[in-house]
């Protein structure tokens, strides 16, 4: 059963997939066609981006 509400936006997923170099697989086979390792790397990158954003937000408030 597919999830209705994902945590990451489609735009963010596409951006990260392009950055990590597997967006061609997504275009051909959909998100279900990516390797588990690629999915894990995508989540890792999203967390890094979120942490960087949080750190930048904290620095700006000082």
N, C-alpha and C. Protein backbone atom coordinates (compact mmCIF):
# COMPACT_ATOMS: atom_id res chain seq x y z
N UNK A 1 0.84 -1.18 0.00
CA UNK A 1 0.00 0.00 0.00
C UNK A 1 0.89 1.24 0.00
N UNK A 2 0.74 2.12 -0.97
CA UNK A 2 1.60 3.31 -1.05
C UNK A 2 1.28 4.32 0.06
N UNK A 3 2.32 5.04 0.47
CA UNK A 3 2.14 6.10 1.47
C UNK A 3 1.52 7.31 0.80
N UNK A 4 0.65 7.98 1.50
CA UNK A 4 0.02 9.18 0.95
C UNK A 4 0.82 10.43 1.24
N UNK A 5 1.38 10.53 2.44
CA UNK A 5 2.08 11.74 2.84
C UNK A 5 3.55 11.44 3.09
N UNK A 6 4.39 11.70 2.11
CA UNK A 6 5.82 11.51 2.29
C UNK A 6 6.41 12.66 3.06
N UNK A 7 7.58 12.42 3.62
CA UNK A 7 8.26 13.45 4.39
C UNK A 7 8.94 14.45 3.47
N UNK A 8 9.57 13.94 2.41
CA UNK A 8 10.27 14.82 1.47
C UNK A 8 9.35 15.19 0.32
N UNK A 9 9.47 16.43 -0.13
CA UNK A 9 8.69 16.84 -1.30
C UNK A 9 9.26 16.18 -2.55
N UNK A 10 8.45 16.06 -3.57
CA UNK A 10 8.92 15.48 -4.82
C UNK A 10 10.06 16.31 -5.41
N UNK A 11 9.95 17.62 -5.26
CA UNK A 11 10.98 18.51 -5.79
C UNK A 11 12.33 18.24 -5.12
N UNK A 12 12.31 18.05 -3.81
CA UNK A 12 13.54 17.77 -3.07
C UNK A 12 14.12 16.42 -3.46
N UNK A 13 13.25 15.42 -3.61
CA UNK A 13 13.73 14.10 -4.01
C UNK A 13 14.39 14.15 -5.38
N UNK A 14 13.79 14.85 -6.31
CA UNK A 14 14.36 14.97 -7.65
C UNK A 14 15.70 15.69 -7.59
N UNK A 15 15.78 16.78 -6.84
CA UNK A 15 17.02 17.54 -6.70
C UNK A 15 18.14 16.65 -6.16
N UNK A 16 17.85 15.88 -5.12
CA UNK A 16 18.87 15.02 -4.52
C UNK A 16 19.24 13.89 -5.46
N UNK A 17 18.26 13.29 -6.13
CA UNK A 17 18.55 12.20 -7.06
C UNK A 17 19.45 12.68 -8.20
N UNK A 18 19.22 13.89 -8.68
CA UNK A 18 20.09 14.45 -9.72
C UNK A 18 21.49 14.68 -9.18
N UNK A 19 21.57 15.23 -7.97
CA UNK A 19 22.86 15.50 -7.33
C UNK A 19 23.67 14.21 -7.14
N UNK A 20 22.98 13.14 -6.75
CA UNK A 20 23.66 11.88 -6.47
C UNK A 20 23.84 11.01 -7.72
N UNK A 21 23.24 11.42 -8.83
CA UNK A 21 23.50 10.76 -10.11
C UNK A 21 22.65 9.55 -10.45
N UNK A 22 21.48 9.40 -9.85
CA UNK A 22 20.63 8.27 -10.22
C UNK A 22 19.24 8.68 -10.69
N UNK A 23 19.08 9.94 -11.07
CA UNK A 23 17.78 10.40 -11.54
C UNK A 23 17.36 9.72 -12.84
N UNK A 24 18.33 9.31 -13.64
CA UNK A 24 18.00 8.60 -14.88
C UNK A 24 17.23 7.31 -14.60
N UNK A 25 17.57 6.64 -13.51
CA UNK A 25 16.84 5.43 -13.12
C UNK A 25 15.41 5.79 -12.72
N UNK A 26 15.26 6.88 -11.99
CA UNK A 26 13.93 7.33 -11.57
C UNK A 26 13.07 7.63 -12.80
N UNK A 27 13.66 8.28 -13.78
CA UNK A 27 12.90 8.60 -15.01
C UNK A 27 12.47 7.34 -15.74
N UNK A 28 13.36 6.34 -15.79
CA UNK A 28 13.05 5.10 -16.52
C UNK A 28 12.11 4.19 -15.74
N UNK A 29 12.36 4.02 -14.43
CA UNK A 29 11.67 2.98 -13.67
C UNK A 29 10.82 3.48 -12.52
N UNK A 30 10.86 4.78 -12.25
CA UNK A 30 10.14 5.31 -11.10
C UNK A 30 10.97 5.15 -9.83
N UNK A 31 10.45 5.66 -8.72
CA UNK A 31 11.19 5.63 -7.45
C UNK A 31 11.41 4.21 -6.96
N UNK A 32 10.55 3.29 -7.33
CA UNK A 32 10.70 1.89 -6.92
C UNK A 32 11.87 1.20 -7.59
N UNK A 33 12.43 1.80 -8.61
CA UNK A 33 13.53 1.19 -9.35
C UNK A 33 14.91 1.52 -8.80
N UNK A 34 14.99 2.43 -7.83
CA UNK A 34 16.31 2.79 -7.32
C UNK A 34 16.80 1.74 -6.33
N UNK A 35 18.11 1.66 -6.19
CA UNK A 35 18.72 0.70 -5.28
C UNK A 35 18.51 1.16 -3.84
N UNK A 36 18.52 0.21 -2.93
CA UNK A 36 18.38 0.53 -1.50
C UNK A 36 19.48 1.48 -1.05
N UNK A 37 20.68 1.25 -1.55
CA UNK A 37 21.81 2.12 -1.19
C UNK A 37 21.55 3.56 -1.64
N UNK A 38 21.01 3.72 -2.85
CA UNK A 38 20.70 5.06 -3.35
C UNK A 38 19.62 5.73 -2.49
N UNK A 39 18.62 4.96 -2.09
CA UNK A 39 17.56 5.50 -1.24
C UNK A 39 18.15 5.94 0.10
N UNK A 40 19.04 5.13 0.65
CA UNK A 40 19.69 5.49 1.91
C UNK A 40 20.55 6.73 1.78
N UNK A 41 21.28 6.82 0.67
CA UNK A 41 22.11 8.00 0.43
C UNK A 41 21.25 9.25 0.25
N UNK A 42 20.08 9.06 -0.34
CA UNK A 42 19.18 10.19 -0.54
C UNK A 42 18.68 10.69 0.82
N UNK A 43 18.32 9.79 1.70
CA UNK A 43 17.86 10.19 3.03
C UNK A 43 19.00 10.85 3.81
N UNK A 44 20.19 10.27 3.70
CA UNK A 44 21.35 10.84 4.39
C UNK A 44 21.60 12.27 3.92
N UNK A 45 21.52 12.49 2.62
CA UNK A 45 21.75 13.83 2.06
C UNK A 45 20.66 14.79 2.52
N UNK A 46 19.42 14.33 2.58
CA UNK A 46 18.32 15.19 3.03
C UNK A 46 18.53 15.60 4.49
N UNK A 47 19.00 14.66 5.32
CA UNK A 47 19.28 14.98 6.72
C UNK A 47 20.41 16.00 6.81
N UNK A 48 21.46 15.80 6.01
CA UNK A 48 22.57 16.77 6.00
C UNK A 48 22.08 18.16 5.62
N UNK A 49 21.21 18.21 4.61
CA UNK A 49 20.67 19.50 4.17
C UNK A 49 19.83 20.14 5.27
N UNK A 50 19.04 19.34 5.96
CA UNK A 50 18.20 19.86 7.04
C UNK A 50 19.06 20.37 8.19
N UNK A 51 20.10 19.60 8.54
CA UNK A 51 20.98 20.02 9.62
C UNK A 51 21.69 21.33 9.27
N UNK A 52 22.16 21.44 8.05
CA UNK A 52 22.82 22.67 7.60
C UNK A 52 21.85 23.84 7.66
N UNK A 53 20.63 23.60 7.23
CA UNK A 53 19.61 24.65 7.28
C UNK A 53 19.31 25.07 8.70
N UNK A 54 19.24 24.11 9.61
CA UNK A 54 18.99 24.44 11.02
C UNK A 54 20.15 25.22 11.61
N UNK A 55 21.35 24.81 11.28
CA UNK A 55 22.53 25.51 11.80
C UNK A 55 22.58 26.92 11.26
N UNK A 56 22.27 27.11 9.99
CA UNK A 56 22.26 28.45 9.40
C UNK A 56 21.19 29.30 10.05
N UNK A 57 20.05 28.71 10.34
CA UNK A 57 18.98 29.44 10.99
C UNK A 57 19.36 29.88 12.39
N UNK A 58 20.08 29.03 13.12
CA UNK A 58 20.51 29.39 14.48
C UNK A 58 21.54 30.50 14.43
N UNK A 59 22.45 30.44 13.45
CA UNK A 59 23.48 31.48 13.33
C UNK A 59 22.89 32.83 12.99
N UNK A 60 21.81 32.84 12.21
CA UNK A 60 21.21 34.09 11.80
C UNK A 60 20.45 34.75 12.93
N UNK A 61 19.99 33.97 13.90
CA UNK A 61 19.17 34.54 14.97
C UNK A 61 20.01 35.19 16.06
N UNK A 62 21.33 34.99 16.04
CA UNK A 62 22.21 35.58 17.06
C UNK A 62 22.55 37.00 16.73
